[in-house]
């Protein structure tokens, strides 16, 4: 029974980590528990 737009912006606020984390795992794939060092961009398997 709340205001839709206010609820949307509050949802955005609650999900703030979800908007930051993707940038972080691009710059440091360790967050994805993969080590792509020395591998091609189209690699299918990754060491831990």
ModelCIF file with pLDDT and N, C-alpha, C, O atoms, coordinates in Angstrom:
data_MODEL
#
_entry.id   MODEL 
#
_entity.id                         1 
_entity.type                       polymer 
_entity.pdbx_number_of_molecules   1 
#
_entity_poly.entity_id                      1 
_entity_poly.type                           'polypeptide(L)' 
_entity_poly.nstd_linkage                   no 
_entity_poly.nstd_monomer                   no 
_entity_poly.pdbx_seq_one_letter_code       
;(UNK)(UNK)(UNK)(UNK)(UNK)(UNK)(UNK)(UNK)(UNK)(UNK)(UNK)(UNK)(UNK)(UNK)(UNK)(UNK)
(UNK)(UNK)(UNK)(UNK)(UNK)(UNK)(UNK)(UNK)(UNK)(UNK)(UNK)(UNK)(UNK)(UNK)(UNK)(UNK)
(UNK)(UNK)(UNK)(UNK)(UNK)(UNK)(UNK)(UNK)(UNK)(UNK)(UNK)(UNK)(UNK)(UNK)(UNK)(UNK)
;
_entity_poly.pdbx_seq_one_letter_code_can   XXXXXXXXXXXXXXXXXXXXXXXXXXXXXXXXXXXXXXXXXXXXXXXX 
_entity_poly.pdbx_strand_id                 A 
#
loop_
_entity_poly_seq.entity_id 
_entity_poly_seq.num 
_entity_poly_seq.mon_id 
_entity_poly_seq.hetero 
1 1  UNK n 
1 2  UNK n 
1 3  UNK n 
1 4  UNK n 
1 5  UNK n 
1 6  UNK n 
1 7  UNK n 
1 8  UNK n 
1 9  UNK n 
1 10 UNK n 
1 11 UNK n 
1 12 UNK n 
1 13 UNK n 
1 14 UNK n 
1 15 UNK n 
1 16 UNK n 
1 17 UNK n 
1 18 UNK n 
1 19 UNK n 
1 20 UNK n 
1 21 UNK n 
1 22 UNK n 
1 23 UNK n 
1 24 UNK n 
1 25 UNK n 
1 26 UNK n 
1 27 UNK n 
1 28 UNK n 
1 29 UNK n 
1 30 UNK n 
1 31 UNK n 
1 32 UNK n 
1 33 UNK n 
1 34 UNK n 
1 35 UNK n 
1 36 UNK n 
1 37 UNK n 
1 38 UNK n 
1 39 UNK n 
1 40 UNK n 
1 41 UNK n 
1 42 UNK n 
1 43 UNK n 
1 44 UNK n 
1 45 UNK n 
1 46 UNK n 
1 47 UNK n 
1 48 UNK n 
#
_struct_asym.id          A 
_struct_asym.entity_id   1 
#
loop_
_ma_qa_metric.id 
_ma_qa_metric.mode 
_ma_qa_metric.name 
_ma_qa_metric.software_group_id 
_ma_qa_metric.type 
1 global pLDDT . pLDDT 
2 local  pLDDT . pLDDT 
#
_ma_qa_metric_global.metric_id      1 
_ma_qa_metric_global.metric_value   89.56 
_ma_qa_metric_global.model_id       1 
_ma_qa_metric_global.ordinal_id     1 
#
loop_
_ma_qa_metric_local.label_asym_id 
_ma_qa_metric_local.label_comp_id 
_ma_qa_metric_local.label_seq_id 
_ma_qa_metric_local.metric_id 
_ma_qa_metric_local.metric_value 
_ma_qa_metric_local.model_id 
_ma_qa_metric_local.ordinal_id 
A UNK 1  2 88.00 1 1  
A UNK 2  2 88.00 1 2  
A UNK 3  2 90.00 1 3  
A UNK 4  2 89.00 1 4  
A UNK 5  2 90.00 1 5  
A UNK 6  2 91.00 1 6  
A UNK 7  2 92.00 1 7  
A UNK 8  2 90.00 1 8  
A UNK 9  2 92.00 1 9  
A UNK 10 2 93.00 1 10 
A UNK 11 2 92.00 1 11 
A UNK 12 2 90.00 1 12 
A UNK 13 2 92.00 1 13 
A UNK 14 2 92.00 1 14 
A UNK 15 2 91.00 1 15 
A UNK 16 2 90.00 1 16 
A UNK 17 2 88.00 1 17 
A UNK 18 2 87.00 1 18 
A UNK 19 2 89.00 1 19 
A UNK 20 2 89.00 1 20 
A UNK 21 2 89.00 1 21 
A UNK 22 2 91.00 1 22 
A UNK 23 2 90.00 1 23 
A UNK 24 2 88.00 1 24 
A UNK 25 2 90.00 1 25 
A UNK 26 2 90.00 1 26 
A UNK 27 2 88.00 1 27 
A UNK 28 2 87.00 1 28 
A UNK 29 2 91.00 1 29 
A UNK 30 2 91.00 1 30 
A UNK 31 2 91.00 1 31 
A UNK 32 2 93.00 1 32 
A UNK 33 2 93.00 1 33 
A UNK 34 2 93.00 1 34 
A UNK 35 2 91.00 1 35 
A UNK 36 2 89.00 1 36 
A UNK 37 2 86.00 1 37 
A UNK 38 2 85.00 1 38 
A UNK 39 2 86.00 1 39 
A UNK 40 2 84.00 1 40 
A UNK 41 2 83.00 1 41 
A UNK 42 2 85.00 1 42 
A UNK 43 2 87.00 1 43 
A UNK 44 2 89.00 1 44 
A UNK 45 2 90.00 1 45 
A UNK 46 2 92.00 1 46 
A UNK 47 2 92.00 1 47 
A UNK 48 2 92.00 1 48 
#
loop_
_atom_site.group_PDB 
_atom_site.id 
_atom_site.type_symbol 
_atom_site.label_atom_id 
_atom_site.label_alt_id 
_atom_site.label_comp_id 
_atom_site.label_asym_id 
_atom_site.label_entity_id 
_atom_site.label_seq_id 
_atom_site.pdbx_PDB_ins_code 
_atom_site.Cartn_x 
_atom_site.Cartn_y 
_atom_site.Cartn_z 
_atom_site.occupancy 
_atom_site.B_iso_or_equiv 
_atom_site.pdbx_formal_charge 
_atom_site.auth_seq_id 
_atom_site.auth_comp_id 
_atom_site.auth_asym_id 
_atom_site.auth_atom_id 
_atom_site.pdbx_PDB_model_num 
ATOM 1   N N  . UNK A 1 1  ? 0.812  -1.212  0.000   1.00 88.00 ? 1  UNK A N  1 
ATOM 2   C CA . UNK A 1 1  ? 0.000  0.000   0.000   1.00 88.00 ? 1  UNK A CA 1 
ATOM 3   C C  . UNK A 1 1  ? 0.839  1.254   0.000   1.00 88.00 ? 1  UNK A C  1 
ATOM 4   O O  . UNK A 1 1  ? 0.379  2.311   0.430   1.00 88.00 ? 1  UNK A O  1 
ATOM 5   N N  . UNK A 1 2  ? 2.090  1.149   -0.485  1.00 88.00 ? 2  UNK A N  1 
ATOM 6   C CA . UNK A 1 2  ? 2.990  2.289   -0.482  1.00 88.00 ? 2  UNK A CA 1 
ATOM 7   C C  . UNK A 1 2  ? 3.064  2.976   -1.830  1.00 88.00 ? 2  UNK A C  1 
ATOM 8   O O  . UNK A 1 2  ? 2.422  2.547   -2.789  1.00 88.00 ? 2  UNK A O  1 
ATOM 9   N N  . UNK A 1 3  ? 3.851  4.048   -1.906  1.00 90.00 ? 3  UNK A N  1 
ATOM 10  C CA . UNK A 1 3  ? 4.054  4.789   -3.138  1.00 90.00 ? 3  UNK A CA 1 
ATOM 11  C C  . UNK A 1 3  ? 5.017  4.011   -4.043  1.00 90.00 ? 3  UNK A C  1 
ATOM 12  O O  . UNK A 1 3  ? 6.122  3.687   -3.607  1.00 90.00 ? 3  UNK A O  1 
ATOM 13  N N  . UNK A 1 4  ? 4.633  3.702   -5.290  1.00 89.00 ? 4  UNK A N  1 
ATOM 14  C CA . UNK A 1 4  ? 5.475  2.870   -6.160  1.00 89.00 ? 4  UNK A CA 1 
ATOM 15  C C  . UNK A 1 4  ? 6.874  3.444   -6.405  1.00 89.00 ? 4  UNK A C  1 
ATOM 16  O O  . UNK A 1 4  ? 7.860  2.714   -6.308  1.00 89.00 ? 4  UNK A O  1 
ATOM 17  N N  . UNK A 1 5  ? 6.973  4.738   -6.720  1.00 90.00 ? 5  UNK A N  1 
ATOM 18  C CA . UNK A 1 5  ? 8.281  5.316   -7.028  1.00 90.00 ? 5  UNK A CA 1 
ATOM 19  C C  . UNK A 1 5  ? 9.170  5.373   -5.791  1.00 90.00 ? 5  UNK A C  1 
ATOM 20  O O  . UNK A 1 5  ? 10.368 5.101   -5.873  1.00 90.00 ? 5  UNK A O  1 
ATOM 21  N N  . UNK A 1 6  ? 8.589  5.726   -4.650  1.00 91.00 ? 6  UNK A N  1 
ATOM 22  C CA . UNK A 1 6  ? 9.379  5.742   -3.413  1.00 91.00 ? 6  UNK A CA 1 
ATOM 23  C C  . UNK A 1 6  ? 9.872  4.340   -3.072  1.00 91.00 ? 6  UNK A C  1 
ATOM 24  O O  . UNK A 1 6  ? 10.997 4.161   -2.606  1.00 91.00 ? 6  UNK A O  1 
ATOM 25  N N  . UNK A 1 7  ? 9.011  3.343   -3.312  1.00 92.00 ? 7  UNK A N  1 
ATOM 26  C CA . UNK A 1 7  ? 9.410  1.953   -3.074  1.00 92.00 ? 7  UNK A CA 1 
ATOM 27  C C  . UNK A 1 7  ? 10.530 1.561   -4.019  1.00 92.00 ? 7  UNK A C  1 
ATOM 28  O O  . UNK A 1 7  ? 11.457 0.855   -3.622  1.00 92.00 ? 7  UNK A O  1 
ATOM 29  N N  . UNK A 1 8  ? 10.454 2.014   -5.280  1.00 90.00 ? 8  UNK A N  1 
ATOM 30  C CA . UNK A 1 8  ? 11.502 1.717   -6.252  1.00 90.00 ? 8  UNK A CA 1 
ATOM 31  C C  . UNK A 1 8  ? 12.844 2.288   -5.834  1.00 90.00 ? 8  UNK A C  1 
ATOM 32  O O  . UNK A 1 8  ? 13.863 1.600   -5.902  1.00 90.00 ? 8  UNK A O  1 
ATOM 33  N N  . UNK A 1 9  ? 12.853 3.538   -5.403  1.00 92.00 ? 9  UNK A N  1 
ATOM 34  C CA . UNK A 1 9  ? 14.117 4.153   -4.988  1.00 92.00 ? 9  UNK A CA 1 
ATOM 35  C C  . UNK A 1 9  ? 14.647 3.531   -3.692  1.00 92.00 ? 9  UNK A C  1 
ATOM 36  O O  . UNK A 1 9  ? 15.859 3.435   -3.500  1.00 92.00 ? 9  UNK A O  1 
ATOM 37  N N  . UNK A 1 10 ? 13.742 3.108   -2.806  1.00 93.00 ? 10 UNK A N  1 
ATOM 38  C CA . UNK A 1 10 ? 14.172 2.422   -1.596  1.00 93.00 ? 10 UNK A CA 1 
ATOM 39  C C  . UNK A 1 10 ? 14.772 1.059   -1.951  1.00 93.00 ? 10 UNK A C  1 
ATOM 40  O O  . UNK A 1 10 ? 15.749 0.634   -1.333  1.00 93.00 ? 10 UNK A O  1 
ATOM 41  N N  . UNK A 1 11 ? 14.201 0.380   -2.932  1.00 92.00 ? 11 UNK A N  1 
ATOM 42  C CA . UNK A 1 11 ? 14.755 -0.897  -3.402  1.00 92.00 ? 11 UNK A CA 1 
ATOM 43  C C  . UNK A 1 11 ? 16.162 -0.695  -3.955  1.00 92.00 ? 11 UNK A C  1 
ATOM 44  O O  . UNK A 1 11 ? 17.065 -1.497  -3.716  1.00 92.00 ? 11 UNK A O  1 
ATOM 45  N N  . UNK A 1 12 ? 16.319 0.385   -4.691  1.00 90.00 ? 12 UNK A N  1 
ATOM 46  C CA . UNK A 1 12 ? 17.623 0.722   -5.263  1.00 90.00 ? 12 UNK A CA 1 
ATOM 47  C C  . UNK A 1 12 ? 18.658 0.917   -4.159  1.00 90.00 ? 12 UNK A C  1 
ATOM 48  O O  . UNK A 1 12 ? 19.803 0.480   -4.272  1.00 90.00 ? 12 UNK A O  1 
ATOM 49  N N  . UNK A 1 13 ? 18.234 1.573   -3.107  1.00 92.00 ? 13 UNK A N  1 
ATOM 50  C CA . UNK A 1 13 ? 19.103 1.828   -1.951  1.00 92.00 ? 13 UNK A CA 1 
ATOM 51  C C  . UNK A 1 13 ? 19.496 0.520   -1.258  1.00 92.00 ? 13 UNK A C  1 
ATOM 52  O O  . UNK A 1 13 ? 20.656 0.320   -0.896  1.00 92.00 ? 13 UNK A O  1 
ATOM 53  N N  . UNK A 1 14 ? 18.511 -0.367  -1.081  1.00 92.00 ? 14 UNK A N  1 
ATOM 54  C CA . UNK A 1 14 ? 18.791 -1.651  -0.442  1.00 92.00 ? 14 UNK A CA 1 
ATOM 55  C C  . UNK A 1 14 ? 19.728 -2.510  -1.280  1.00 92.00 ? 14 UNK A C  1 
ATOM 56  O O  . UNK A 1 14 ? 20.505 -3.297  -0.741  1.00 92.00 ? 14 UNK A O  1 
ATOM 57  N N  . UNK A 1 15 ? 19.656 -2.358  -2.591  1.00 91.00 ? 15 UNK A N  1 
ATOM 58  C CA . UNK A 1 15 ? 20.444 -3.199  -3.503  1.00 91.00 ? 15 UNK A CA 1 
ATOM 59  C C  . UNK A 1 15 ? 21.772 -2.566  -3.884  1.00 91.00 ? 15 UNK A C  1 
ATOM 60  O O  . UNK A 1 15 ? 22.393 -2.981  -4.862  1.00 91.00 ? 15 UNK A O  1 
ATOM 61  N N  . UNK A 1 16 ? 22.218 -1.568  -3.129  1.00 90.00 ? 16 UNK A N  1 
ATOM 62  C CA . UNK A 1 16 ? 23.396 -0.797  -3.531  1.00 90.00 ? 16 UNK A CA 1 
ATOM 63  C C  . UNK A 1 16 ? 24.633 -1.668  -3.735  1.00 90.00 ? 16 UNK A C  1 
ATOM 64  O O  . UNK A 1 16 ? 25.443 -1.394  -4.620  1.00 90.00 ? 16 UNK A O  1 
ATOM 65  N N  . UNK A 1 17 ? 24.786 -2.718  -2.923  1.00 88.00 ? 17 UNK A N  1 
ATOM 66  C CA . UNK A 1 17 ? 25.949 -3.605  -3.084  1.00 88.00 ? 17 UNK A CA 1 
ATOM 67  C C  . UNK A 1 17 ? 25.929 -4.281  -4.447  1.00 88.00 ? 17 UNK A C  1 
ATOM 68  O O  . UNK A 1 17 ? 26.980 -4.520  -5.042  1.00 88.00 ? 17 UNK A O  1 
ATOM 69  N N  . UNK A 1 18 ? 24.732 -4.591  -4.942  1.00 87.00 ? 18 UNK A N  1 
ATOM 70  C CA . UNK A 1 18 ? 24.604 -5.257  -6.230  1.00 87.00 ? 18 UNK A CA 1 
ATOM 71  C C  . UNK A 1 18 ? 25.038 -4.389  -7.398  1.00 87.00 ? 18 UNK A C  1 
ATOM 72  O O  . UNK A 1 18 ? 25.340 -4.905  -8.474  1.00 87.00 ? 18 UNK A O  1 
ATOM 73  N N  . UNK A 1 19 ? 25.072 -3.070  -7.200  1.00 89.00 ? 19 UNK A N  1 
ATOM 74  C CA . UNK A 1 19 ? 25.484 -2.171  -8.265  1.00 89.00 ? 19 UNK A CA 1 
ATOM 75  C C  . UNK A 1 19 ? 26.987 -1.887  -8.224  1.00 89.00 ? 19 UNK A C  1 
ATOM 76  O O  . UNK A 1 19 ? 27.556 -1.375  -9.188  1.00 89.00 ? 19 UNK A O  1 
ATOM 77  N N  . UNK A 1 20 ? 27.614 -2.218  -7.115  1.00 89.00 ? 20 UNK A N  1 
ATOM 78  C CA . UNK A 1 20 ? 29.051 -1.979  -6.963  1.00 89.00 ? 20 UNK A CA 1 
ATOM 79  C C  . UNK A 1 20 ? 29.859 -3.229  -7.271  1.00 89.00 ? 20 UNK A C  1 
ATOM 80  O O  . UNK A 1 20 ? 30.892 -3.167  -7.938  1.00 89.00 ? 20 UNK A O  1 
ATOM 81  N N  . UNK A 1 21 ? 29.377 -4.367  -6.777  1.00 89.00 ? 21 UNK A N  1 
ATOM 82  C CA . UNK A 1 21 ? 30.124 -5.625  -6.879  1.00 89.00 ? 21 UNK A CA 1 
ATOM 83  C C  . UNK A 1 21 ? 30.508 -5.991  -8.315  1.00 89.00 ? 21 UNK A C  1 
ATOM 84  O O  . UNK A 1 21 ? 31.640 -6.429  -8.523  1.00 89.00 ? 21 UNK A O  1 
ATOM 85  N N  . UNK A 1 22 ? 29.627 -5.836  -9.331  1.00 91.00 ? 22 UNK A N  1 
ATOM 86  C CA . UNK A 1 22 ? 30.040 -6.215  -10.693 1.00 91.00 ? 22 UNK A CA 1 
ATOM 87  C C  . UNK A 1 22 ? 31.286 -5.486  -11.190 1.00 91.00 ? 22 UNK A C  1 
ATOM 88  O O  . UNK A 1 22 ? 32.117 -6.079  -11.878 1.00 91.00 ? 22 UNK A O  1 
ATOM 89  N N  . UNK A 1 23 ? 31.420 -4.205  -10.847 1.00 90.00 ? 23 UNK A N  1 
ATOM 90  C CA . UNK A 1 23 ? 32.629 -3.481  -11.245 1.00 90.00 ? 23 UNK A CA 1 
ATOM 91  C C  . UNK A 1 23 ? 33.860 -4.083  -10.560 1.00 90.00 ? 23 UNK A C  1 
ATOM 92  O O  . UNK A 1 23 ? 34.942 -4.153  -11.142 1.00 90.00 ? 23 UNK A O  1 
ATOM 93  N N  . UNK A 1 24 ? 33.669 -4.509  -9.324  1.00 88.00 ? 24 UNK A N  1 
ATOM 94  C CA . UNK A 1 24 ? 34.805 -5.034  -8.567  1.00 88.00 ? 24 UNK A CA 1 
ATOM 95  C C  . UNK A 1 24 ? 35.296 -6.352  -9.129  1.00 88.00 ? 24 UNK A C  1 
ATOM 96  O O  . UNK A 1 24 ? 36.504 -6.573  -9.226  1.00 88.00 ? 24 UNK A O  1 
ATOM 97  N N  . UNK A 1 25 ? 34.353 -7.254  -9.510  1.00 90.00 ? 25 UNK A N  1 
ATOM 98  C CA . UNK A 1 25 ? 34.860 -8.530  -10.003 1.00 90.00 ? 25 UNK A CA 1 
ATOM 99  C C  . UNK A 1 25 ? 35.416 -8.418  -11.431 1.00 90.00 ? 25 UNK A C  1 
ATOM 100 O O  . UNK A 1 25 ? 36.126 -9.314  -11.887 1.00 90.00 ? 25 UNK A O  1 
ATOM 101 N N  . UNK A 1 26 ? 35.097 -7.329  -12.136 1.00 90.00 ? 26 UNK A N  1 
ATOM 102 C CA . UNK A 1 26 ? 35.763 -7.109  -13.423 1.00 90.00 ? 26 UNK A CA 1 
ATOM 103 C C  . UNK A 1 26 ? 37.233 -6.762  -13.188 1.00 90.00 ? 26 UNK A C  1 
ATOM 104 O O  . UNK A 1 26 ? 38.120 -7.274  -13.870 1.00 90.00 ? 26 UNK A O  1 
ATOM 105 N N  . UNK A 1 27 ? 37.475 -5.886  -12.216 1.00 88.00 ? 27 UNK A N  1 
ATOM 106 C CA . UNK A 1 27 ? 38.848 -5.461  -11.938 1.00 88.00 ? 27 UNK A CA 1 
ATOM 107 C C  . UNK A 1 27 ? 39.633 -6.486  -11.120 1.00 88.00 ? 27 UNK A C  1 
ATOM 108 O O  . UNK A 1 27 ? 40.862 -6.529  -11.186 1.00 88.00 ? 27 UNK A O  1 
ATOM 109 N N  . UNK A 1 28 ? 38.924 -7.309  -10.351 1.00 87.00 ? 28 UNK A N  1 
ATOM 110 C CA . UNK A 1 28 ? 39.591 -8.360  -9.582  1.00 87.00 ? 28 UNK A CA 1 
ATOM 111 C C  . UNK A 1 28 ? 38.735 -9.626  -9.595  1.00 87.00 ? 28 UNK A C  1 
ATOM 112 O O  . UNK A 1 28 ? 37.884 -9.807  -8.724  1.00 87.00 ? 28 UNK A O  1 
ATOM 113 N N  . UNK A 1 29 ? 38.955 -10.509 -10.584 1.00 91.00 ? 29 UNK A N  1 
ATOM 114 C CA . UNK A 1 29 ? 38.132 -11.720 -10.712 1.00 91.00 ? 29 UNK A CA 1 
ATOM 115 C C  . UNK A 1 29 ? 38.271 -12.703 -9.555  1.00 91.00 ? 29 UNK A C  1 
ATOM 116 O O  . UNK A 1 29 ? 37.554 -13.702 -9.512  1.00 91.00 ? 29 UNK A O  1 
ATOM 117 N N  . UNK A 1 30 ? 39.187 -12.437 -8.610  1.00 91.00 ? 30 UNK A N  1 
ATOM 118 C CA . UNK A 1 30 ? 39.290 -13.310 -7.431  1.00 91.00 ? 30 UNK A CA 1 
ATOM 119 C C  . UNK A 1 30 ? 37.951 -13.396 -6.713  1.00 91.00 ? 30 UNK A C  1 
ATOM 120 O O  . UNK A 1 30 ? 37.635 -14.416 -6.099  1.00 91.00 ? 30 UNK A O  1 
ATOM 121 N N  . UNK A 1 31 ? 37.160 -12.320 -6.790  1.00 91.00 ? 31 UNK A N  1 
ATOM 122 C CA . UNK A 1 31 ? 35.843 -12.308 -6.154  1.00 91.00 ? 31 UNK A CA 1 
ATOM 123 C C  . UNK A 1 31 ? 34.941 -13.394 -6.742  1.00 91.00 ? 31 UNK A C  1 
ATOM 124 O O  . UNK A 1 31 ? 34.013 -13.862 -6.082  1.00 91.00 ? 31 UNK A O  1 
ATOM 125 N N  . UNK A 1 32 ? 35.218 -13.792 -7.994  1.00 93.00 ? 32 UNK A N  1 
ATOM 126 C CA . UNK A 1 32 ? 34.453 -14.865 -8.640  1.00 93.00 ? 32 UNK A CA 1 
ATOM 127 C C  . UNK A 1 32 ? 35.126 -16.222 -8.425  1.00 93.00 ? 32 UNK A C  1 
ATOM 128 O O  . UNK A 1 32 ? 34.703 -17.233 -8.984  1.00 93.00 ? 32 UNK A O  1 
ATOM 129 N N  . UNK A 1 33 ? 36.167 -16.226 -7.618  1.00 93.00 ? 33 UNK A N  1 
ATOM 130 C CA . UNK A 1 33 ? 36.931 -17.441 -7.323  1.00 93.00 ? 33 UNK A CA 1 
ATOM 131 C C  . UNK A 1 33 ? 37.495 -18.088 -8.586  1.00 93.00 ? 33 UNK A C  1 
ATOM 132 O O  . UNK A 1 33 ? 37.492 -19.310 -8.736  1.00 93.00 ? 33 UNK A O  1 
ATOM 133 N N  . UNK A 1 34 ? 37.978 -17.233 -9.491  1.00 93.00 ? 34 UNK A N  1 
ATOM 134 C CA . UNK A 1 34 ? 38.697 -17.702 -10.672 1.00 93.00 ? 34 UNK A CA 1 
ATOM 135 C C  . UNK A 1 34 ? 39.996 -16.914 -10.796 1.00 93.00 ? 34 UNK A C  1 
ATOM 136 O O  . UNK A 1 34 ? 40.103 -15.791 -10.303 1.00 93.00 ? 34 UNK A O  1 
ATOM 137 N N  . UNK A 1 35 ? 40.985 -17.516 -11.461 1.00 91.00 ? 35 UNK A N  1 
ATOM 138 C CA . UNK A 1 35 ? 42.258 -16.843 -11.714 1.00 91.00 ? 35 UNK A CA 1 
ATOM 139 C C  . UNK A 1 35 ? 42.525 -16.879 -13.212 1.00 91.00 ? 35 UNK A C  1 
ATOM 140 O O  . UNK A 1 35 ? 43.082 -17.854 -13.717 1.00 91.00 ? 35 UNK A O  1 
ATOM 141 N N  . UNK A 1 36 ? 42.130 -15.818 -13.935 1.00 89.00 ? 36 UNK A N  1 
ATOM 142 C CA . UNK A 1 36 ? 42.284 -15.824 -15.393 1.00 89.00 ? 36 UNK A CA 1 
ATOM 143 C C  . UNK A 1 36 ? 43.663 -15.384 -15.878 1.00 89.00 ? 36 UNK A C  1 
ATOM 144 O O  . UNK A 1 36 ? 43.858 -15.189 -17.078 1.00 89.00 ? 36 UNK A O  1 
ATOM 145 N N  . UNK A 1 37 ? 44.624 -15.226 -14.964 1.00 86.00 ? 37 UNK A N  1 
ATOM 146 C CA . UNK A 1 37 ? 45.950 -14.731 -15.328 1.00 86.00 ? 37 UNK A CA 1 
ATOM 147 C C  . UNK A 1 37 ? 46.574 -15.603 -16.410 1.00 86.00 ? 37 UNK A C  1 
ATOM 148 O O  . UNK A 1 37 ? 46.684 -16.820 -16.264 1.00 86.00 ? 37 UNK A O  1 
ATOM 149 N N  . UNK A 1 38 ? 46.981 -14.954 -17.503 1.00 85.00 ? 38 UNK A N  1 
ATOM 150 C CA . UNK A 1 38 ? 47.651 -15.674 -18.582 1.00 85.00 ? 38 UNK A CA 1 
ATOM 151 C C  . UNK A 1 38 ? 46.724 -16.432 -19.508 1.00 85.00 ? 38 UNK A C  1 
ATOM 152 O O  . UNK A 1 38 ? 47.190 -17.063 -20.456 1.00 85.00 ? 38 UNK A O  1 
ATOM 153 N N  . UNK A 1 39 ? 45.402 -16.389 -19.258 1.00 86.00 ? 39 UNK A N  1 
ATOM 154 C CA . UNK A 1 39 ? 44.447 -17.123 -20.088 1.00 86.00 ? 39 UNK A CA 1 
ATOM 155 C C  . UNK A 1 39 ? 43.819 -16.194 -21.130 1.00 86.00 ? 39 UNK A C  1 
ATOM 156 O O  . UNK A 1 39 ? 43.751 -14.980 -20.936 1.00 86.00 ? 39 UNK A O  1 
ATOM 157 N N  . UNK A 1 40 ? 43.367 -16.779 -22.225 1.00 84.00 ? 40 UNK A N  1 
ATOM 158 C CA . UNK A 1 40 ? 42.690 -15.992 -23.260 1.00 84.00 ? 40 UNK A CA 1 
ATOM 159 C C  . UNK A 1 40 ? 41.335 -15.519 -22.752 1.00 84.00 ? 40 UNK A C  1 
ATOM 160 O O  . UNK A 1 40 ? 40.777 -16.097 -21.819 1.00 84.00 ? 40 UNK A O  1 
ATOM 161 N N  . UNK A 1 41 ? 40.804 -14.453 -23.377 1.00 83.00 ? 41 UNK A N  1 
ATOM 162 C CA . UNK A 1 41 ? 39.515 -13.900 -22.945 1.00 83.00 ? 41 UNK A CA 1 
ATOM 163 C C  . UNK A 1 41 ? 38.382 -14.899 -23.122 1.00 83.00 ? 41 UNK A C  1 
ATOM 164 O O  . UNK A 1 41 ? 37.387 -14.842 -22.399 1.00 83.00 ? 41 UNK A O  1 
ATOM 165 N N  . UNK A 1 42 ? 38.523 -15.817 -24.079 1.00 85.00 ? 42 UNK A N  1 
ATOM 166 C CA . UNK A 1 42 ? 37.466 -16.804 -24.317 1.00 85.00 ? 42 UNK A CA 1 
ATOM 167 C C  . UNK A 1 42 ? 37.705 -18.129 -23.589 1.00 85.00 ? 42 UNK A C  1 
ATOM 168 O O  . UNK A 1 42 ? 37.151 -19.159 -23.973 1.00 85.00 ? 42 UNK A O  1 
ATOM 169 N N  . UNK A 1 43 ? 38.520 -18.098 -22.552 1.00 87.00 ? 43 UNK A N  1 
ATOM 170 C CA . UNK A 1 43 ? 38.811 -19.315 -21.778 1.00 87.00 ? 43 UNK A CA 1 
ATOM 171 C C  . UNK A 1 43 ? 37.529 -19.870 -21.166 1.00 87.00 ? 43 UNK A C  1 
ATOM 172 O O  . UNK A 1 43 ? 36.648 -19.115 -20.754 1.00 87.00 ? 43 UNK A O  1 
ATOM 173 N N  . UNK A 1 44 ? 37.436 -21.191 -21.113 1.00 89.00 ? 44 UNK A N  1 
ATOM 174 C CA . UNK A 1 44 ? 36.244 -21.869 -20.582 1.00 89.00 ? 44 UNK A CA 1 
ATOM 175 C C  . UNK A 1 44 ? 36.487 -22.460 -19.192 1.00 89.00 ? 44 UNK A C  1 
ATOM 176 O O  . UNK A 1 44 ? 35.540 -22.712 -18.447 1.00 89.00 ? 44 UNK A O  1 
ATOM 177 N N  . UNK A 1 45 ? 37.752 -22.680 -18.849 1.00 90.00 ? 45 UNK A N  1 
ATOM 178 C CA . UNK A 1 45 ? 38.101 -23.254 -17.552 1.00 90.00 ? 45 UNK A CA 1 
ATOM 179 C C  . UNK A 1 45 ? 39.121 -22.347 -16.875 1.00 90.00 ? 45 UNK A C  1 
ATOM 180 O O  . UNK A 1 45 ? 39.970 -21.743 -17.531 1.00 90.00 ? 45 UNK A O  1 
ATOM 181 N N  . UNK A 1 46 ? 39.020 -22.265 -15.541 1.00 92.00 ? 46 UNK A N  1 
ATOM 182 C CA . UNK A 1 46 ? 39.885 -21.369 -14.786 1.00 92.00 ? 46 UNK A CA 1 
ATOM 183 C C  . UNK A 1 46 ? 40.411 -22.075 -13.543 1.00 92.00 ? 46 UNK A C  1 
ATOM 184 O O  . UNK A 1 46 ? 39.672 -22.811 -12.890 1.00 92.00 ? 46 UNK A O  1 
ATOM 185 N N  . UNK A 1 47 ? 41.682 -21.857 -13.210 1.00 92.00 ? 47 UNK A N  1 
ATOM 186 C CA . UNK A 1 47 ? 42.169 -22.376 -11.925 1.00 92.00 ? 47 UNK A CA 1 
ATOM 187 C C  . UNK A 1 47 ? 41.633 -21.517 -10.785 1.00 92.00 ? 47 UNK A C  1 
ATOM 188 O O  . UNK A 1 47 ? 41.245 -20.367 -10.987 1.00 92.00 ? 47 UNK A O  1 
ATOM 189 N N  . UNK A 1 48 ? 41.618 -22.094 -9.583  1.00 92.00 ? 48 UNK A N  1 
ATOM 190 C CA . UNK A 1 48 ? 41.224 -21.320 -8.399  1.00 92.00 ? 48 UNK A CA 1 
ATOM 191 C C  . UNK A 1 48 ? 42.362 -20.389 -7.998  1.00 92.00 ? 48 UNK A C  1 
ATOM 192 O O  . UNK A 1 48 ? 42.239 -19.647 -7.024  1.00 92.00 ? 48 UNK A O  1 
#
